[in-house]
Amino acid sequence: MTMRRATTRITAALLGVAVTLSMTACGEEGGGDGGGQPYIAIVSKGFQHQFWQAVKQGAEEEAEKQGARVTFVGPPTEADVEEQINMLTNDIAKNPQALGFAALDSKAADPLLQQAKSQDIPVIAFDSGVDSDVPVTTVATDNKAAAAEAAKHMAELVGGEGKVAMVVHDQTSKSGTDRRDGFMDWMKENAPGITVLAPQYGGGDQAESANITKSIISSNPDLKGIYASNEGSAIGVIKGVEESGKSGIQLVGFDSGKAQVDAIKDGSMAGAVTQDPINMGRELVRAAMKAINGEDQPKNVDTGYYWYDKTNVDDAKITAVLYE
């Protein structure tokens, strides 16, 4: 789909939002009474990666503790901005007591977030911040700091010199830009002998990331390392290197999931930064309940990150945050 066509379709979808929401707002209160339970609607960036399943698990566990009800939806892939907009539209129309939202496009959803604000639905951003003053707080990994940690380990792995490539999941979400910029900024400030190639974007799609990886290797036979910014990107990079037949390239990833953990254990990938998605889900629901109760909250809630590689992948502290 061309950018012009995609933009037109998203704009068309948004034009119907005000009508849809005004009609449903008159007929529904609280997203169905749920037996008096507070209802928290959660719209994630995807549903296919194990990361999102782990966030869902944490949210459901905390909701049960808090006596709340949650729903959790996400588009088929992290490139489906239009589908996420539709899901957000539908969930706002249910009039939840609070809304959790991880934006694929940090600007495209702003009219909907303004609509939620006008309906007195508090919004909690998670995983990715949004370019809006609507969210009462953002529950997320400090992605710039985590990416800097990945850069530090990459620099050590390549001996502080040579070419390093980046396969990033997108350039429209806050997590995508922060994981890109955090990596590049650390390298610029601390590793002058390393040349970081221009980032390539694979949408978090394994097949696309694999194809990008093969193209990078073909164009840069002296490449020493590749950084992949999320689970789908990392698995794609591992696959692309394998299919290229090239050896000796250091791979550093982000997130976990079984395929990625297995690659680290067998040496295909040197290491990665893992988030704590179960805790992210828990903190999301905690923040939503505080918002429902009118409690003050910090601007950001840091849910933590850890570097793991072959030396510590079986440590109890690491296995607790790996989402296999």
C-alpha atoms as a PDB file:
ATOM      1  CA  MET A   1       0.000   0.000   0.000  1.00  0.00           C
ATOM      2  CA  THR A   2       1.375   3.447  -0.900  1.00  0.00           C
ATOM      3  CA  MET A   3       1.814   6.081   1.834  1.00  0.00           C
ATOM      4  CA  ARG A   4      -0.786   8.338   0.133  1.00  0.00           C
ATOM      5  CA  ARG A   5      -3.350   5.538   0.013  1.00  0.00           C
ATOM      6  CA  ALA A   6      -2.671   4.490   3.605  1.00  0.00           C
ATOM      7  CA  THR A   7      -2.997   8.095   4.822  1.00  0.00           C
ATOM      8  CA  THR A   8      -6.262   8.529   2.935  1.00  0.00           C
ATOM      9  CA  ARG A   9      -7.732   5.365   4.434  1.00  0.00           C
ATOM     10  CA  ILE A  10      -6.703   6.303   7.972  1.00  0.00           C
ATOM     11  CA  THR A  11      -8.130   9.814   7.507  1.00  0.00           C
ATOM     12  CA  ALA A  12     -11.386   8.348   6.226  1.00  0.00           C
ATOM     13  CA  ALA A  13     -11.578   6.054   9.241  1.00  0.00           C
ATOM     14  CA  LEU A  14     -11.046   8.992  11.599  1.00  0.00           C
ATOM     15  CA  LEU A  15     -13.776  11.083   9.936  1.00  0.00           C
ATOM     16  CA  GLY A  16     -16.392   8.660  11.199  1.00  0.00           C
ATOM     17  CA  VAL A  17     -15.094   8.567  14.728  1.00  0.00           C
ATOM     18  CA  ALA A  18     -17.021  11.521  16.149  1.00  0.00           C
ATOM     19  CA  VAL A  19     -20.327  10.226  14.786  1.00  0.00           C
ATOM     20  CA  THR A  20     -19.668   6.667  15.931  1.00  0.00           C
ATOM     21  CA  LEU A  21     -18.599   7.699  19.402  1.00  0.00           C
ATOM     22  CA  SER A  22     -21.393  10.218  19.933  1.00  0.00           C
ATOM     23  CA  MET A  23     -23.980   7.614  18.981  1.00  0.00           C
ATOM     24  CA  THR A  24     -22.567   4.888  21.191  1.00  0.00           C
ATOM     25  CA  ALA A  25     -21.858   7.239  24.083  1.00  0.00           C
ATOM     26  CA  CYS A  26     -25.582   7.945  24.326  1.00  0.00           C
ATOM     27  CA  GLY A  27     -26.412   4.251  24.517  1.00  0.00           C
ATOM     28  CA  GLU A  28     -23.633   2.706  26.627  1.00  0.00           C
ATOM     29  CA  GLU A  29     -22.207   3.416  30.054  1.00  0.00           C
ATOM     30  CA  GLY A  30     -19.005   1.872  31.332  1.00  0.00           C
ATOM     31  CA  GLY A  31     -18.488  -0.664  28.574  1.00  0.00           C
ATOM     32  CA  GLY A  32     -21.114  -3.005  29.940  1.00  0.00           C
ATOM     33  CA  ASP A  33     -21.547  -3.064  33.706  1.00  0.00           C
ATOM     34  CA  GLY A  34     -19.378  -6.162  34.293  1.00  0.00           C
ATOM     35  CA  GLY A  35     -21.098  -6.606  37.658  1.00  0.00           C
ATOM     36  CA  GLY A  36     -19.878  -3.196  38.844  1.00  0.00           C
ATOM     37  CA  GLN A  37     -16.222  -3.912  38.088  1.00  0.00           C
ATOM     38  CA  PRO A  38     -14.110  -1.057  36.704  1.00  0.00           C
ATOM     39  CA  TYR A  39     -13.562  -1.742  32.996  1.00  0.00           C
ATOM     40  CA  ILE A  40     -10.120  -1.061  31.480  1.00  0.00           C
ATOM     41  CA  ALA A  41      -9.795  -1.357  27.685  1.00  0.00           C
ATOM     42  CA  ILE A  42      -6.257  -2.050  26.423  1.00  0.00           C
ATOM     43  CA  VAL A  43      -5.167  -1.526  22.807  1.00  0.00           C
ATOM     44  CA  SER A  44      -1.652  -2.847  22.141  1.00  0.00           C
ATOM     45  CA  LYS A  45       0.650  -2.501  19.151  1.00  0.00           C
ATOM     46  CA  GLY A  46       0.236  -6.132  18.177  1.00  0.00           C
ATOM     47  CA  PHE A  47      -0.861  -9.548  19.259  1.00  0.00           C
ATOM     48  CA  GLN A  48       1.479 -11.890  17.426  1.00  0.00           C
ATOM     49  CA  HIS A  49       4.695 -11.537  19.421  1.00  0.00           C
ATOM     50  CA  GLN A  50       5.194 -13.313  22.732  1.00  0.00           C
ATOM     51  CA  PHE A  51       6.004  -9.902  24.226  1.00  0.00           C
ATOM     52  CA  TRP A  52       2.393  -8.753  23.887  1.00  0.00           C
ATOM     53  CA  GLN A  53       1.078 -12.007  25.279  1.00  0.00           C
ATOM     54  CA  ALA A  54       3.260 -11.436  28.344  1.00  0.00           C
ATOM     55  CA  VAL A  55       1.934  -7.865  28.757  1.00  0.00           C
ATOM     56  CA  LYS A  56      -1.589  -9.281  28.509  1.00  0.00           C
ATOM     57  CA  GLN A  57      -0.788 -11.879  31.162  1.00  0.00           C
ATOM     58  CA  GLY A  58       0.488  -9.241  33.594  1.00  0.00           C
ATOM     59  CA  ALA A  59      -2.513  -6.993  32.976  1.00  0.00           C
ATOM     60  CA  GLU A  60      -4.977  -9.815  33.560  1.00  0.00           C
ATOM     61  CA  GLU A  61      -3.202 -10.941  36.736  1.00  0.00           C
ATOM     62  CA  GLU A  62      -3.255  -7.426  38.198  1.00  0.00           C
ATOM     63  CA  ALA A  63      -6.854  -6.813  37.128  1.00  0.00           C
ATOM     64  CA  GLU A  64      -7.935  -9.936  38.999  1.00  0.00           C
ATOM     65  CA  LYS A  65      -6.128  -8.673  42.122  1.00  0.00           C
ATOM     66  CA  GLN A  66      -7.726  -5.240  41.803  1.00  0.00           C
ATOM     67  CA  GLY A  67     -11.216  -6.495  41.074  1.00  0.00           C
ATOM     68  CA  ALA A  68     -11.222  -4.933  37.608  1.00  0.00           C
ATOM     69  CA  ARG A  69     -12.123  -6.230  34.164  1.00  0.00           C
ATOM     70  CA  VAL A  70      -9.785  -5.826  31.176  1.00  0.00           C
ATOM     71  CA  THR A  71      -9.979  -6.454  27.467  1.00  0.00           C
ATOM     72  CA  PHE A  72      -6.802  -6.682  25.393  1.00  0.00           C
ATOM     73  CA  VAL A  73      -6.685  -6.246  21.610  1.00  0.00           C
ATOM     74  CA  GLY A  74      -4.019  -5.527  19.013  1.00  0.00           C
ATOM     75  CA  PRO A  75      -3.678  -5.584  15.225  1.00  0.00           C
ATOM     76  CA  PRO A  76      -2.303  -8.618  13.355  1.00  0.00           C
ATOM     77  CA  THR A  77       1.069  -6.953  12.736  1.00  0.00           C
ATOM     78  CA  GLU A  78       2.852  -3.854  13.964  1.00  0.00           C
ATOM     79  CA  ALA A  79       2.489  -2.287  10.516  1.00  0.00           C
ATOM     80  CA  ASP A  80      -1.330  -2.213  10.700  1.00  0.00           C
ATOM     81  CA  VAL A  81      -1.847   1.388  11.824  1.00  0.00           C
ATOM     82  CA  GLU A  82      -5.303   1.606  10.254  1.00  0.00           C
ATOM     83  CA  GLU A  83      -6.473  -1.552  12.026  1.00  0.00           C
ATOM     84  CA  GLN A  84      -5.196  -0.231  15.361  1.00  0.00           C
ATOM     85  CA  ILE A  85      -7.092   3.029  14.774  1.00  0.00           C
ATOM     86  CA  ASN A  86     -10.270   0.987  14.216  1.00  0.00           C
ATOM     87  CA  MET A  87      -9.669  -0.988  17.434  1.00  0.00           C
ATOM     88  CA  LEU A  88      -9.092   2.211  19.388  1.00  0.00           C
ATOM     89  CA  THR A  89     -12.290   3.692  17.941  1.00  0.00           C
ATOM     90  CA  ASN A  90     -14.281   0.635  18.989  1.00  0.00           C
ATOM     91  CA  ASP A  91     -12.886   0.547  22.515  1.00  0.00           C
ATOM     92  CA  ILE A  92     -13.490   4.254  23.163  1.00  0.00           C
ATOM     93  CA  ALA A  93     -17.070   3.709  21.992  1.00  0.00           C
ATOM     94  CA  LYS A  94     -17.526   1.195  24.841  1.00  0.00           C
ATOM     95  CA  ASN A  95     -16.929   3.976  27.401  1.00  0.00           C
ATOM     96  CA  PRO A  96     -14.366   2.183  29.572  1.00  0.00           C
ATOM     97  CA  GLN A  97     -13.424   3.688  32.928  1.00  0.00           C
ATOM     98  CA  ALA A  98      -9.799   3.836  31.659  1.00  0.00           C
ATOM     99  CA  LEU A  99      -7.933   3.149  28.427  1.00  0.00           C
ATOM    100  CA  GLY A 100      -4.451   1.669  27.957  1.00  0.00           C
ATOM    101  CA  PHE A 101      -2.862   2.470  24.600  1.00  0.00           C
ATOM    102  CA  ALA A 102       0.441   1.540  22.931  1.00  0.00           C
ATOM    103  CA  ALA A 103       0.647   3.653  19.780  1.00  0.00           C
ATOM    104  CA  LEU A 104       1.881   2.337  16.454  1.00  0.00           C
ATOM    105  CA  ASP A 105       1.794   5.865  15.086  1.00  0.00           C
ATOM    106  CA  SER A 106       2.325   8.404  17.829  1.00  0.00           C
ATOM    107  CA  LYS A 107       0.484  11.170  15.923  1.00  0.00           C
ATOM    108  CA  ALA A 108      -2.278   9.402  14.005  1.00  0.00           C
ATOM    109  CA  ALA A 109      -4.340   8.561  17.086  1.00  0.00           C
ATOM    110  CA  ASP A 110      -4.370  12.034  18.648  1.00  0.00           C
ATOM    111  CA  PRO A 111      -7.943  12.936  17.523  1.00  0.00           C
ATOM    112  CA  LEU A 112      -9.179   9.755  19.187  1.00  0.00           C
ATOM    113  CA  LEU A 113      -7.247  10.453  22.364  1.00  0.00           C
ATOM    114  CA  GLN A 114      -8.772  13.934  22.454  1.00  0.00           C
ATOM    115  CA  GLN A 115     -12.180  12.283  22.072  1.00  0.00           C
ATOM    116  CA  ALA A 116     -11.412   9.994  25.038  1.00  0.00           C
ATOM    117  CA  LYS A 117     -10.433  13.040  27.089  1.00  0.00           C
ATOM    118  CA  SER A 118     -13.701  14.769  26.198  1.00  0.00           C
ATOM    119  CA  GLN A 119     -15.538  11.684  27.469  1.00  0.00           C
ATOM    120  CA  ASP A 120     -13.540  11.786  30.736  1.00  0.00           C
ATOM    121  CA  ILE A 121     -11.808   8.479  29.939  1.00  0.00           C
ATOM    122  CA  PRO A 122      -8.285   8.622  31.412  1.00  0.00           C
ATOM    123  CA  VAL A 123      -5.644   7.320  28.990  1.00  0.00           C
ATOM    124  CA  ILE A 124      -2.531   5.455  30.112  1.00  0.00           C
ATOM    125  CA  ALA A 125       0.148   5.149  27.433  1.00  0.00           C
ATOM    126  CA  PHE A 126       2.244   1.996  27.603  1.00  0.00           C
ATOM    127  CA  ASP A 127       5.291   0.606  25.807  1.00  0.00           C
ATOM    128  CA  SER A 128       5.323   3.664  23.509  1.00  0.00           C
ATOM    129  CA  GLY A 129       4.543   7.227  24.441  1.00  0.00           C
ATOM    130  CA  VAL A 130       2.317   9.344  22.219  1.00  0.00           C
ATOM    131  CA  ASP A 131       2.747  12.897  20.884  1.00  0.00           C
ATOM    132  CA  SER A 132      -0.120  14.150  23.011  1.00  0.00           C
ATOM    133  CA  ASP A 133      -0.753  15.677  26.408  1.00  0.00           C
ATOM    134  CA  VAL A 134      -3.761  13.397  26.948  1.00  0.00           C
ATOM    135  CA  PRO A 135      -2.148  10.396  28.722  1.00  0.00           C
ATOM    136  CA  VAL A 136      -2.058  10.771  32.499  1.00  0.00           C
ATOM    137  CA  THR A 137       1.136   8.701  32.607  1.00  0.00           C
ATOM    138  CA  THR A 138       3.309   6.502  30.382  1.00  0.00           C
ATOM    139  CA  VAL A 139       4.165   2.984  31.558  1.00  0.00           C
ATOM    140  CA  ALA A 140       7.213   1.824  29.625  1.00  0.00           C
ATOM    141  CA  THR A 141      10.785   0.678  29.511  1.00  0.00           C
ATOM    142  CA  ASP A 142      13.314   3.514  29.390  1.00  0.00           C
ATOM    143  CA  ASN A 143      13.942   2.634  25.759  1.00  0.00           C
ATOM    144  CA  LYS A 144      16.766   5.104  25.181  1.00  0.00           C
ATOM    145  CA  ALA A 145      18.693   3.790  28.186  1.00  0.00           C
ATOM    146  CA  ALA A 146      18.015   0.175  27.198  1.00  0.00           C
ATOM    147  CA  ALA A 147      19.195   0.833  23.624  1.00  0.00           C
ATOM    148  CA  ALA A 148      22.325   2.487  25.002  1.00  0.00           C
ATOM    149  CA  GLU A 149      22.987  -0.689  26.991  1.00  0.00           C
ATOM    150  CA  ALA A 150      22.706  -2.685  23.763  1.00  0.00           C
ATOM    151  CA  ALA A 151      25.120  -0.268  22.054  1.00  0.00           C
ATOM    152  CA  LYS A 152      27.641  -0.603  24.871  1.00  0.00           C
ATOM    153  CA  HIS A 153      27.696  -4.393  24.528  1.00  0.00           C
ATOM    154  CA  MET A 154      27.862  -4.182  20.725  1.00  0.00           C
ATOM    155  CA  ALA A 155      30.898  -1.891  20.971  1.00  0.00           C
ATOM    156  CA  GLU A 156      32.630  -4.408  23.205  1.00  0.00           C
ATOM    157  CA  LEU A 157      31.755  -7.294  20.889  1.00  0.00           C
ATOM    158  CA  VAL A 158      33.211  -5.616  17.770  1.00  0.00           C
ATOM    159  CA  GLY A 159      36.299  -4.303  19.531  1.00  0.00           C
ATOM    160  CA  GLY A 160      35.310  -0.645  19.269  1.00  0.00           C
ATOM    161  CA  GLU A 161      35.693  -0.328  15.499  1.00  0.00           C
ATOM    162  CA  GLY A 162      34.112  -1.221  12.158  1.00  0.00           C
ATOM    163  CA  LYS A 163      30.653  -1.020  10.590  1.00  0.00           C
ATOM    164  CA  VAL A 164      27.484  -1.783  12.517  1.00  0.00           C
ATOM    165  CA  ALA A 165      23.980  -1.919  11.017  1.00  0.00           C
ATOM    166  CA  MET A 166      20.553  -1.387  12.545  1.00  0.00           C
ATOM    167  CA  VAL A 167      17.246  -3.108  11.757  1.00  0.00           C
ATOM    168  CA  VAL A 168      14.542  -1.103  13.540  1.00  0.00           C
ATOM    169  CA  HIS A 169      10.885  -2.026  13.898  1.00  0.00           C
ATOM    170  CA  ASP A 170       9.487   1.395  12.903  1.00  0.00           C
ATOM    171  CA  GLN A 171      10.070   5.127  12.825  1.00  0.00           C
ATOM    172  CA  THR A 172       6.562   6.209  13.874  1.00  0.00           C
ATOM    173  CA  SER A 173       6.270   4.835  17.431  1.00  0.00           C
ATOM    174  CA  LYS A 174       8.109   6.294  20.407  1.00  0.00           C
ATOM    175  CA  SER A 175       9.662   2.912  21.211  1.00  0.00           C
ATOM    176  CA  GLY A 176      11.012   2.663  17.653  1.00  0.00           C
ATOM    177  CA  THR A 177      12.564   6.114  17.629  1.00  0.00           C
ATOM    178  CA  ASP A 178      13.926   5.829  21.182  1.00  0.00           C
ATOM    179  CA  ARG A 179      15.542   2.437  20.557  1.00  0.00           C
ATOM    180  CA  ARG A 180      17.064   3.789  17.373  1.00  0.00           C
ATOM    181  CA  ASP A 181      18.267   7.078  18.842  1.00  0.00           C
ATOM    182  CA  GLY A 182      19.474   5.608  22.130  1.00  0.00           C
ATOM    183  CA  PHE A 183      21.715   3.188  20.243  1.00  0.00           C
ATOM    184  CA  MET A 184      23.026   5.784  17.782  1.00  0.00           C
ATOM    185  CA  ASP A 185      23.599   8.476  20.421  1.00  0.00           C
ATOM    186  CA  TRP A 186      25.635   6.160  22.661  1.00  0.00           C
ATOM    187  CA  MET A 187      27.794   5.070  19.728  1.00  0.00           C
ATOM    188  CA  LYS A 188      28.370   8.674  18.628  1.00  0.00           C
ATOM    189  CA  GLU A 189      29.429   9.759  22.113  1.00  0.00           C
ATOM    190  CA  ASN A 190      31.411   6.710  23.205  1.00  0.00           C
ATOM    191  CA  ALA A 191      32.627   4.728  20.181  1.00  0.00           C
ATOM    192  CA  PRO A 192      34.200   7.023  17.558  1.00  0.00           C
ATOM    193  CA  GLY A 193      35.810   4.053  15.806  1.00  0.00           C
ATOM    194  CA  ILE A 194      32.432   2.512  14.962  1.00  0.00           C
ATOM    195  CA  THR A 195      30.470   3.560  11.883  1.00  0.00           C
ATOM    196  CA  VAL A 196      26.724   3.072  12.381  1.00  0.00           C
ATOM    197  CA  LEU A 197      24.973   2.621   9.050  1.00  0.00           C
ATOM    198  CA  ALA A 198      21.670   4.354   8.371  1.00  0.00           C
ATOM    199  CA  PRO A 199      18.828   2.496  10.124  1.00  0.00           C
ATOM    200  CA  GLN A 200      16.648   0.203   8.040  1.00  0.00           C
ATOM    201  CA  TYR A 201      13.014  -0.370   8.972  1.00  0.00           C
ATOM    202  CA  GLY A 202      11.336  -3.778   8.802  1.00  0.00           C
ATOM    203  CA  GLY A 203       8.061  -3.125  10.627  1.00  0.00           C
ATOM    204  CA  GLY A 204       8.921  -5.773  13.209  1.00  0.00           C
ATOM    205  CA  ASP A 205       8.125  -8.346  10.530  1.00  0.00           C
ATOM    206  CA  GLN A 206      10.433 -11.368  10.556  1.00  0.00           C
ATOM    207  CA  ALA A 207      10.439 -11.973   6.795  1.00  0.00           C
ATOM    208  CA  GLU A 208      10.954  -8.307   5.915  1.00  0.00           C
ATOM    209  CA  SER A 209      13.709  -7.960   8.530  1.00  0.00           C
ATOM    210  CA  ALA A 210      15.426 -11.054   7.135  1.00  0.00           C
ATOM    211  CA  ASN A 211      15.367  -9.613   3.605  1.00  0.00           C
ATOM    212  CA  ILE A 212      16.705  -6.290   4.838  1.00  0.00           C
ATOM    213  CA  THR A 213      19.502  -8.101   6.667  1.00  0.00           C
ATOM    214  CA  LYS A 214      20.566  -9.994   3.555  1.00  0.00           C
ATOM    215  CA  SER A 215      20.620  -6.758   1.559  1.00  0.00           C
ATOM    216  CA  ILE A 216      22.747  -5.012   4.206  1.00  0.00           C
ATOM    217  CA  ILE A 217      25.253  -7.874   4.268  1.00  0.00           C
ATOM    218  CA  SER A 218      25.438  -7.964   0.475  1.00  0.00           C
ATOM    219  CA  SER A 219      26.176  -4.231   0.338  1.00  0.00           C
ATOM    220  CA  ASN A 220      28.627  -4.256   3.262  1.00  0.00           C
ATOM    221  CA  PRO A 221      30.911  -7.317   3.115  1.00  0.00           C
ATOM    222  CA  ASP A 222      33.009  -5.837   5.947  1.00  0.00           C
ATOM    223  CA  LEU A 223      30.019  -5.556   8.310  1.00  0.00           C
ATOM    224  CA  LYS A 224      30.889  -6.453  11.910  1.00  0.00           C
ATOM    225  CA  GLY A 225      27.576  -6.262  13.739  1.00  0.00           C
ATOM    226  CA  ILE A 226      23.786  -5.824  13.505  1.00  0.00           C
ATOM    227  CA  TYR A 227      21.465  -4.417  16.171  1.00  0.00           C
ATOM    228  CA  ALA A 228      17.784  -5.410  16.019  1.00  0.00           C
ATOM    229  CA  SER A 229      15.288  -3.287  17.958  1.00  0.00           C
ATOM    230  CA  ASN A 230      12.470  -5.707  18.853  1.00  0.00           C
ATOM    231  CA  GLU A 231      11.508  -9.383  18.924  1.00  0.00           C
ATOM    232  CA  GLY A 232      10.335  -9.671  15.320  1.00  0.00           C
ATOM    233  CA  SER A 233      13.315  -7.691  14.025  1.00  0.00           C
ATOM    234  CA  ALA A 234      15.753  -9.843  16.001  1.00  0.00           C
ATOM    235  CA  ILE A 235      14.337 -13.139  14.778  1.00  0.00           C
ATOM    236  CA  GLY A 236      14.381 -11.792  11.216  1.00  0.00           C
ATOM    237  CA  VAL A 237      18.003 -10.665  11.527  1.00  0.00           C
ATOM    238  CA  ILE A 238      19.042 -14.078  12.850  1.00  0.00           C
ATOM    239  CA  LYS A 239      17.279 -15.716   9.904  1.00  0.00           C
ATOM    240  CA  GLY A 240      18.758 -13.259   7.393  1.00  0.00           C
ATOM    241  CA  VAL A 241      22.317 -13.853   8.572  1.00  0.00           C
ATOM    242  CA  GLU A 242      21.788 -17.603   8.437  1.00  0.00           C
ATOM    243  CA  GLU A 243      20.365 -17.428   4.908  1.00  0.00           C
ATOM    244  CA  SER A 244      23.210 -15.178   3.745  1.00  0.00           C
ATOM    245  CA  GLY A 245      25.778 -17.776   4.761  1.00  0.00           C
ATOM    246  CA  LYS A 246      27.890 -15.038   6.344  1.00  0.00           C
ATOM    247  CA  SER A 247      29.734 -15.827   9.579  1.00  0.00           C
ATOM    248  CA  GLY A 248      31.443 -13.667  12.174  1.00  0.00           C
ATOM    249  CA  ILE A 249      28.763 -10.955  12.429  1.00  0.00           C
ATOM    250  CA  GLN A 250      27.894  -9.992  16.008  1.00  0.00           C
ATOM    251  CA  LEU A 251      24.143  -9.790  16.610  1.00  0.00           C
ATOM    252  CA  VAL A 252      22.574  -7.849  19.452  1.00  0.00           C
ATOM    253  CA  GLY A 253      18.816  -7.784  19.958  1.00  0.00           C
ATOM    254  CA  PHE A 254      15.950  -6.389  21.982  1.00  0.00           C
ATOM    255  CA  ASP A 255      13.176  -8.342  23.776  1.00  0.00           C
ATOM    256  CA  SER A 256      13.181 -12.120  24.116  1.00  0.00           C
ATOM    257  CA  GLY A 257      10.802 -14.902  23.093  1.00  0.00           C
ATOM    258  CA  LYS A 258      11.784 -18.543  22.678  1.00  0.00           C
ATOM    259  CA  ALA A 259      13.446 -18.250  19.256  1.00  0.00           C
ATOM    260  CA  GLN A 260      15.621 -15.386  20.430  1.00  0.00           C
ATOM    261  CA  VAL A 261      16.565 -17.063  23.710  1.00  0.00           C
ATOM    262  CA  ASP A 262      17.452 -20.244  21.814  1.00  0.00           C
ATOM    263  CA  ALA A 263      19.635 -18.206  19.422  1.00  0.00           C
ATOM    264  CA  ILE A 264      21.533 -16.712  22.357  1.00  0.00           C
ATOM    265  CA  LYS A 265      21.997 -20.112  23.933  1.00  0.00           C
ATOM    266  CA  ASP A 266      23.352 -21.614  20.695  1.00  0.00           C
ATOM    267  CA  GLY A 267      25.543 -18.604  19.891  1.00  0.00           C
ATOM    268  CA  SER A 268      23.647 -17.307  16.837  1.00  0.00           C
ATOM    269  CA  MET A 269      23.001 -14.069  18.707  1.00  0.00           C
ATOM    270  CA  ALA A 270      25.481 -12.585  21.178  1.00  0.00           C
ATOM    271  CA  GLY A 271      22.920 -11.113  23.571  1.00  0.00           C
ATOM    272  CA  ALA A 272      19.922  -8.855  23.971  1.00  0.00           C
ATOM    273  CA  VAL A 273      18.128  -6.424  26.213  1.00  0.00           C
ATOM    274  CA  THR A 274      14.927  -7.840  27.658  1.00  0.00           C
ATOM    275  CA  GLN A 275      12.101  -5.772  28.977  1.00  0.00           C
ATOM    276  CA  ASP A 276       9.798  -6.911  31.773  1.00  0.00           C
ATOM    277  CA  PRO A 277       6.490  -7.176  29.904  1.00  0.00           C
ATOM    278  CA  ILE A 278       4.592  -8.940  32.672  1.00  0.00           C
ATOM    279  CA  ASN A 279       5.472  -6.078  35.009  1.00  0.00           C
ATOM    280  CA  MET A 280       4.514  -3.634  32.263  1.00  0.00           C
ATOM    281  CA  GLY A 281       1.039  -5.161  32.165  1.00  0.00           C
ATOM    282  CA  ARG A 282       0.758  -5.037  35.946  1.00  0.00           C
ATOM    283  CA  GLU A 283       1.901  -1.415  36.161  1.00  0.00           C
ATOM    284  CA  LEU A 284      -0.487  -0.483  33.348  1.00  0.00           C
ATOM    285  CA  VAL A 285      -3.471  -1.767  35.304  1.00  0.00           C
ATOM    286  CA  ARG A 286      -2.205  -0.207  38.550  1.00  0.00           C
ATOM    287  CA  ALA A 287      -1.908   3.148  36.780  1.00  0.00           C
ATOM    288  CA  ALA A 288      -5.372   2.751  35.281  1.00  0.00           C
ATOM    289  CA  MET A 289      -6.896   2.061  38.686  1.00  0.00           C
ATOM    290  CA  LYS A 290      -5.139   5.106  40.173  1.00  0.00           C
ATOM    291  CA  ALA A 291      -6.504   7.210  37.318  1.00  0.00           C
ATOM    292  CA  ILE A 292     -10.011   5.864  37.911  1.00  0.00           C
ATOM    293  CA  ASN A 293      -9.677   6.759  41.602  1.00  0.00           C
ATOM    294  CA  GLY A 294      -8.374  10.252  40.816  1.00  0.00           C
ATOM    295  CA  GLU A 295      -4.915   9.702  42.298  1.00  0.00           C
ATOM    296  CA  ASP A 296      -1.891  11.749  41.205  1.00  0.00           C
ATOM    297  CA  GLN A 297       0.749   9.876  39.207  1.00  0.00           C
ATOM    298  CA  PRO A 298       4.274  10.500  37.905  1.00  0.00           C
ATOM    299  CA  LYS A 299       4.696  11.408  34.254  1.00  0.00           C
ATOM    300  CA  ASN A 300       6.521   8.132  33.566  1.00  0.00           C
ATOM    301  CA  VAL A 301       6.608   4.695  35.182  1.00  0.00           C
ATOM    302  CA  ASP A 302       9.809   2.797  34.311  1.00  0.00           C
ATOM    303  CA  THR A 303       9.147  -0.940  34.110  1.00  0.00           C
ATOM    304  CA  GLY A 304      12.826  -1.972  33.878  1.00  0.00           C
ATOM    305  CA  TYR A 305      15.195  -3.789  31.506  1.00  0.00           C
ATOM    306  CA  TYR A 306      18.068  -6.315  31.707  1.00  0.00           C
ATOM    307  CA  TRP A 307      20.976  -7.347  29.481  1.00  0.00           C
ATOM    308  CA  TYR A 308      21.215 -11.106  29.001  1.00  0.00           C
ATOM    309  CA  ASP A 309      23.599 -13.367  27.102  1.00  0.00           C
ATOM    310  CA  LYS A 310      24.955 -16.882  27.314  1.00  0.00           C
ATOM    311  CA  THR A 311      26.629 -16.142  30.657  1.00  0.00           C
ATOM    312  CA  ASN A 312      23.466 -15.230  32.582  1.00  0.00           C
ATOM    313  CA  VAL A 313      20.494 -16.428  30.523  1.00  0.00           C
ATOM    314  CA  ASP A 314      19.755 -19.151  33.096  1.00  0.00           C
ATOM    315  CA  ASP A 315      20.077 -16.880  36.151  1.00  0.00           C
ATOM    316  CA  ALA A 316      16.888 -16.657  38.211  1.00  0.00           C
ATOM    317  CA  LYS A 317      16.681 -12.864  37.834  1.00  0.00           C
ATOM    318  CA  ILE A 318      16.805 -13.185  34.038  1.00  0.00           C
ATOM    319  CA  THR A 319      14.534 -16.195  33.598  1.00  0.00           C
ATOM    320  CA  ALA A 320      11.878 -14.301  35.589  1.00  0.00           C
ATOM    321  CA  VAL A 321      11.643 -11.663  32.852  1.00  0.00           C
ATOM    322  CA  LEU A 322      12.072 -13.813  29.738  1.00  0.00           C
ATOM    323  CA  TYR A 323       8.781 -14.389  27.931  1.00  0.00           C
ATOM    324  CA  GLU A 324       9.032 -17.754  26.258  1.00  0.00           C
END
